[in-house]
Protein backbone atom coordinates (compact mmCIF):
# COMPACT_ATOMS: atom_id res chain seq x y z
CA MET A 1 -10.40 -10.90 -9.41
CA SER A 2 -8.54 -9.01 -7.10
CA ALA A 3 -7.04 -5.67 -8.45
CA VAL A 4 -4.56 -5.78 -5.42
CA GLN A 5 -1.43 -7.54 -5.72
CA GLN A 6 0.59 -9.24 -3.20
CA PHE A 7 4.43 -7.91 -2.68
CA GLY A 8 6.89 -9.42 -1.07
CA VAL A 9 10.92 -9.40 -0.74
CA ASN A 10 11.26 -10.97 -4.35
CA ASP A 11 9.46 -8.62 -6.03
CA PHE A 12 9.12 -5.44 -4.04
CA ASP A 13 11.75 -3.53 -6.11
CA ALA A 14 10.65 -4.56 -9.60
CA GLU A 15 6.84 -4.08 -8.82
CA VAL A 16 7.10 -1.15 -6.55
CA LEU A 17 10.34 0.85 -6.86
CA LYS A 18 10.82 0.41 -10.38
CA SER A 19 7.16 1.20 -11.32
CA ASP A 20 6.39 3.55 -13.77
CA ILE A 21 3.48 4.78 -11.97
CA PRO A 22 2.61 5.38 -8.44
CA VAL A 23 2.20 2.62 -5.98
CA LEU A 24 0.08 2.21 -2.67
CA VAL A 25 1.06 -0.17 -0.45
CA ASP A 26 -0.73 -1.82 2.76
CA PHE A 27 1.58 -3.09 4.78
CA TRP A 28 -0.89 -5.43 6.86
CA ALA A 29 -1.05 -8.80 8.97
CA ALA A 30 -4.02 -11.16 9.22
CA TRP A 31 -4.35 -11.11 12.58
CA CYS A 32 -4.79 -7.21 12.34
CA GLY A 33 -8.37 -5.77 13.07
CA PRO A 34 -7.77 -2.52 11.97
CA CYS A 35 -6.23 -4.24 8.48
CA ARG A 36 -9.23 -6.17 8.04
CA MET A 37 -11.16 -3.23 8.19
CA VAL A 38 -9.09 -0.91 5.85
CA GLY A 39 -8.52 -4.24 3.26
CA PRO A 40 -12.08 -3.60 1.47
CA VAL A 41 -11.02 0.60 1.42
CA VAL A 42 -7.88 -0.65 -0.52
CA GLU A 43 -9.42 -2.60 -2.81
CA GLU A 44 -12.13 -0.14 -3.85
CA ILE A 45 -8.90 2.44 -4.30
CA ALA A 46 -7.37 -0.03 -6.59
CA GLN A 47 -10.52 -0.30 -8.99
CA ASP A 48 -11.38 3.40 -8.88
CA PHE A 49 -7.46 4.05 -9.45
CA ALA A 50 -6.77 1.37 -12.21
CA GLY A 51 -4.44 2.39 -14.85
CA ARG A 52 -3.07 5.07 -12.81
CA LEU A 53 -1.93 3.58 -9.76
CA LYS A 54 -0.91 0.26 -8.72
CA VAL A 55 -2.10 -1.12 -5.26
CA GLY A 56 -0.62 -4.38 -3.53
CA LYS A 57 -0.32 -5.54 0.34
CA VAL A 58 2.86 -7.15 2.05
CA ASN A 59 2.05 -9.23 4.70
CA VAL A 60 4.41 -7.98 7.89
CA ASP A 61 4.47 -11.18 9.21
CA GLU A 62 6.14 -13.05 6.25
CA ASN A 63 8.16 -9.87 4.77
CA ARG A 64 9.58 -9.01 8.06
CA THR A 65 12.52 -7.38 6.35
CA LEU A 66 10.69 -5.58 4.09
CA ALA A 67 8.57 -4.08 7.16
CA ALA A 68 11.95 -3.20 9.24
CA LYS A 69 13.58 -1.62 5.78
CA TYR A 70 10.15 1.04 6.00
CA GLY A 71 10.26 1.37 9.74
CA ILE A 72 6.82 -0.20 10.19
CA MET A 73 5.64 0.35 13.97
CA SER A 74 2.24 -0.15 13.61
CA ILE A 75 -0.36 -1.57 11.36
CA PRO A 76 -2.07 -0.96 8.88
CA THR A 77 0.71 1.48 7.17
CA LEU A 78 -0.12 2.86 3.88
CA ILE A 79 2.75 3.96 1.84
CA ILE A 80 2.26 5.65 -1.42
CA PHE A 81 5.66 5.25 -3.60
CA LYS A 82 6.52 7.32 -6.62
CA ASN A 83 9.53 7.24 -8.63
CA GLY A 84 11.01 4.60 -6.19
CA GLN A 85 10.42 6.90 -3.39
CA GLU A 86 8.23 7.33 -0.57
CA GLU A 87 5.75 10.22 -1.15
CA GLU A 88 2.80 9.81 1.25
CA ARG A 89 2.77 7.64 4.78
CA LEU A 90 -1.05 6.47 6.51
CA ILE A 91 -0.87 4.99 9.48
CA GLY A 92 -4.25 3.49 11.13
CA TYR A 93 -7.40 3.02 9.34
CA GLN A 94 -8.36 5.39 6.77
CA SER A 95 -11.58 5.98 5.40
CA LYS A 96 -11.92 5.73 1.29
CA GLY A 97 -12.05 9.63 1.42
CA GLU A 98 -8.85 10.44 3.24
CA LEU A 99 -7.05 7.81 1.27
CA ALA A 100 -8.42 8.80 -2.12
CA ALA A 101 -7.36 12.48 -1.13
CA ALA A 102 -3.84 11.37 -0.34
CA ILE A 103 -3.15 9.60 -3.16
CA GLU A 104 -4.57 12.54 -5.30
CA LYS A 105 -2.29 14.42 -3.68
CA VAL A 106 0.80 12.34 -5.12
CA LEU A 107 -0.95 12.08 -8.70
CA GLY A 108 -1.06 15.94 -8.91
């Protein structure tokens, strides 16, 4: 079973903004090549940081209002939220090392 959740308009506030631990959100779309490349990296990160970080994806085609609210202009865009606030934004393909370093910075 995947450690990565699916977030949408109906549960984004509860799952992401009100989470008691930091949340990595992968804004993606099925037709996006770089999104498919970063997908396995996001899965590994979810397992590596289990219990310390919640990880989820938002399909921008199905959740246009969320994509607009967070100014998603290009995908994949990975945003790390902490205490309901955006702490870090990474655009484009990220290696596991780059993503883990950004997460560690937010986790402190």
